C-alpha atoms as a PDB file:
ATOM      1  CA  MET A   1      10.637  85.778-181.084  1.00  0.00           C
ATOM      2  CA  LEU A   2       9.134  82.286-180.922  1.00  0.00           C
ATOM      3  CA  ALA A   3       6.518  80.982-183.335  1.00  0.00           C
ATOM      4  CA  SER A   4       4.832  77.644-183.994  1.00  0.00           C
ATOM      5  CA  LEU A   5       4.821  75.860-187.301  1.00  0.00           C
ATOM      6  CA  LYS A   6       1.391  75.445-188.827  1.00  0.00           C
ATOM      7  CA  ASN A   7      -0.145  71.992-188.205  1.00  0.00           C
ATOM      8  CA  CYS A   8       2.312  71.034-185.430  1.00  0.00           C
ATOM      9  CA  ARG A   9       3.527  72.167-182.033  1.00  0.00           C
ATOM     10  CA  GLU A  10       7.190  72.561-182.911  1.00  0.00           C
ATOM     11  CA  GLN A  11       8.443  76.013-182.019  1.00  0.00           C
ATOM     12  CA  VAL A  12      10.818  77.935-184.239  1.00  0.00           C
ATOM     13  CA  ALA A  13      12.874  81.040-183.567  1.00  0.00           C
ATOM     14  CA  VAL A  14      12.165  84.052-185.736  1.00  0.00           C
ATOM     15  CA  LYS A  15      14.917  86.643-185.889  1.00  0.00           C
ATOM     16  CA  VAL A  16      13.539  90.041-186.878  1.00  0.00           C
ATOM     17  CA  ILE A  17      16.120  92.415-188.322  1.00  0.00           C
ATOM     18  CA  GLN A  18      15.189  96.031-188.951  1.00  0.00           C
ATOM     19  CA  LYS A  19      16.490  97.004-192.354  1.00  0.00           C
ATOM     20  CA  ASN A  20      18.950  99.822-192.735  1.00  0.00           C
ATOM     21  CA  PRO A  21      19.677 100.939-196.300  1.00  0.00           C
ATOM     22  CA  THR A  22      23.438 101.050-195.781  1.00  0.00           C
ATOM     23  CA  GLU A  23      25.480  98.613-197.833  1.00  0.00           C
ATOM     24  CA  SER A  24      27.287  97.211-194.762  1.00  0.00           C
ATOM     25  CA  HIS A  25      23.977  96.376-193.057  1.00  0.00           C
ATOM     26  CA  ILE A  26      22.712  94.567-196.150  1.00  0.00           C
ATOM     27  CA  LYS A  27      25.957  92.585-196.302  1.00  0.00           C
ATOM     28  CA  LYS A  28      25.491  91.524-192.651  1.00  0.00           C
ATOM     29  CA  ILE A  29      21.981  90.211-193.339  1.00  0.00           C
ATOM     30  CA  LEU A  30      23.180  88.322-196.426  1.00  0.00           C
ATOM     31  CA  ALA A  31      26.145  86.888-194.503  1.00  0.00           C
ATOM     32  CA  GLU A  32      23.846  85.590-191.772  1.00  0.00           C
ATOM     33  CA  THR A  33      21.547  84.016-194.360  1.00  0.00           C
ATOM     34  CA  ARG A  34      24.508  82.355-196.101  1.00  0.00           C
ATOM     35  CA  THR A  35      25.798  81.051-192.759  1.00  0.00           C
ATOM     36  CA  LEU A  36      22.457  79.348-192.105  1.00  0.00           C
ATOM     37  CA  GLN A  37      22.602  77.794-195.581  1.00  0.00           C
ATOM     38  CA  ILE A  38      26.166  76.547-195.065  1.00  0.00           C
ATOM     39  CA  ALA A  39      25.262  75.093-191.648  1.00  0.00           C
ATOM     40  CA  GLU A  40      22.542  72.897-193.140  1.00  0.00           C
ATOM     41  CA  GLY A  41      23.071  69.317-192.025  1.00  0.00           C
ATOM     42  CA  CYS A  42      25.601  70.127-189.294  1.00  0.00           C
ATOM     43  CA  PRO A  43      24.416  68.634-185.973  1.00  0.00           C
ATOM     44  CA  PHE A  44      26.139  71.360-183.926  1.00  0.00           C
ATOM     45  CA  LEU A  45      24.676  74.414-185.644  1.00  0.00           C
ATOM     46  CA  CYS A  46      21.228  75.954-185.749  1.00  0.00           C
ATOM     47  CA  HIS A  47      19.244  75.059-188.869  1.00  0.00           C
ATOM     48  CA  GLY A  48      17.603  77.736-190.979  1.00  0.00           C
ATOM     49  CA  TYR A  49      14.119  77.022-192.300  1.00  0.00           C
ATOM     50  CA  ALA A  50      13.116  80.160-194.188  1.00  0.00           C
ATOM     51  CA  ALA A  51      13.886  83.799-194.839  1.00  0.00           C
ATOM     52  CA  PHE A  52      11.569  86.537-196.046  1.00  0.00           C
ATOM     53  CA  GLN A  53      11.351  90.301-195.959  1.00  0.00           C
ATOM     54  CA  THR A  54       9.105  93.331-195.960  1.00  0.00           C
ATOM     55  CA  GLN A  55      10.118  96.857-196.871  1.00  0.00           C
ATOM     56  CA  LEU A  56      11.193  97.531-193.272  1.00  0.00           C
ATOM     57  CA  HIS A  57      12.310  94.154-191.890  1.00  0.00           C
ATOM     58  CA  ALA A  58      14.102  90.920-192.769  1.00  0.00           C
ATOM     59  CA  PHE A  59      12.967  87.704-191.040  1.00  0.00           C
ATOM     60  CA  LEU A  60      15.025  84.553-190.513  1.00  0.00           C
ATOM     61  CA  VAL A  61      13.104  81.460-189.361  1.00  0.00           C
ATOM     62  CA  MET A  62      15.405  79.058-187.528  1.00  0.00           C
ATOM     63  CA  GLU A  63      15.437  75.985-185.371  1.00  0.00           C
ATOM     64  CA  CYS A  64      14.656  76.877-181.767  1.00  0.00           C
ATOM     65  CA  ILE A  65      17.489  75.765-179.489  1.00  0.00           C
ATOM     66  CA  ARG A  66      17.104  76.580-175.816  1.00  0.00           C
ATOM     67  CA  GLY A  67      19.878  77.172-173.333  1.00  0.00           C
ATOM     68  CA  GLY A  68      21.344  80.571-174.064  1.00  0.00           C
ATOM     69  CA  ASN A  69      24.019  81.570-176.498  1.00  0.00           C
ATOM     70  CA  LEU A  70      27.768  81.839-176.655  1.00  0.00           C
ATOM     71  CA  GLU A  71      27.796  85.585-176.016  1.00  0.00           C
ATOM     72  CA  GLN A  72      25.841  85.144-172.763  1.00  0.00           C
ATOM     73  CA  LEU A  73      28.157  82.358-171.628  1.00  0.00           C
ATOM     74  CA  MET A  74      31.280  84.396-172.336  1.00  0.00           C
ATOM     75  CA  ASP A  75      29.813  87.380-170.487  1.00  0.00           C
ATOM     76  CA  MET A  76      29.366  85.156-167.425  1.00  0.00           C
ATOM     77  CA  GLU A  77      32.550  83.063-167.668  1.00  0.00           C
ATOM     78  CA  GLY A  78      35.016  85.262-169.523  1.00  0.00           C
ATOM     79  CA  ARG A  79      37.613  83.373-171.524  1.00  0.00           C
ATOM     80  CA  LEU A  80      36.632  79.723-172.025  1.00  0.00           C
ATOM     81  CA  LYS A  81      38.992  76.789-171.494  1.00  0.00           C
ATOM     82  CA  MET A  82      39.423  74.364-174.407  1.00  0.00           C
ATOM     83  CA  ASP A  83      38.031  71.413-172.396  1.00  0.00           C
ATOM     84  CA  SER A  84      34.767  73.253-171.766  1.00  0.00           C
ATOM     85  CA  VAL A  85      34.393  74.095-175.462  1.00  0.00           C
ATOM     86  CA  ARG A  86      34.830  70.441-176.447  1.00  0.00           C
ATOM     87  CA  HIS A  87      32.127  69.299-174.013  1.00  0.00           C
ATOM     88  CA  PRO A  88      28.889  68.280-175.864  1.00  0.00           C
ATOM     89  CA  PRO A  89      26.567  70.645-173.920  1.00  0.00           C
ATOM     90  CA  MET A  90      28.903  73.479-174.862  1.00  0.00           C
ATOM     91  CA  GLN A  91      28.668  72.439-178.492  1.00  0.00           C
ATOM     92  CA  LYS A  92      24.897  72.675-178.181  1.00  0.00           C
ATOM     93  CA  CYS A  93      25.157  76.135-176.615  1.00  0.00           C
ATOM     94  CA  CYS A  94      27.569  77.357-179.317  1.00  0.00           C
ATOM     95  CA  SER A  95      25.213  76.183-182.029  1.00  0.00           C
ATOM     96  CA  LYS A  96      22.695  78.849-181.192  1.00  0.00           C
END
């Protein structure tokens, strides 16, 4: 889902995750949150801005990067060659 920051036109991506009370699901949400924290400052990875939750959902607010994601690219191309992964546009795509 896309949203706009208050007082500016910058769009952000909001990932909505339906909560499941299982321990493995909670660990996945926490791992994704930690990954966004670790990626802070890296020019090739999506930046996390905020995280919050309700009783039923967890929300991760992230930098909006257009151009698809790695899963979509691999579905189309199959196995990727090393040269294509090193290419800067690929780095941008992988950062999503």
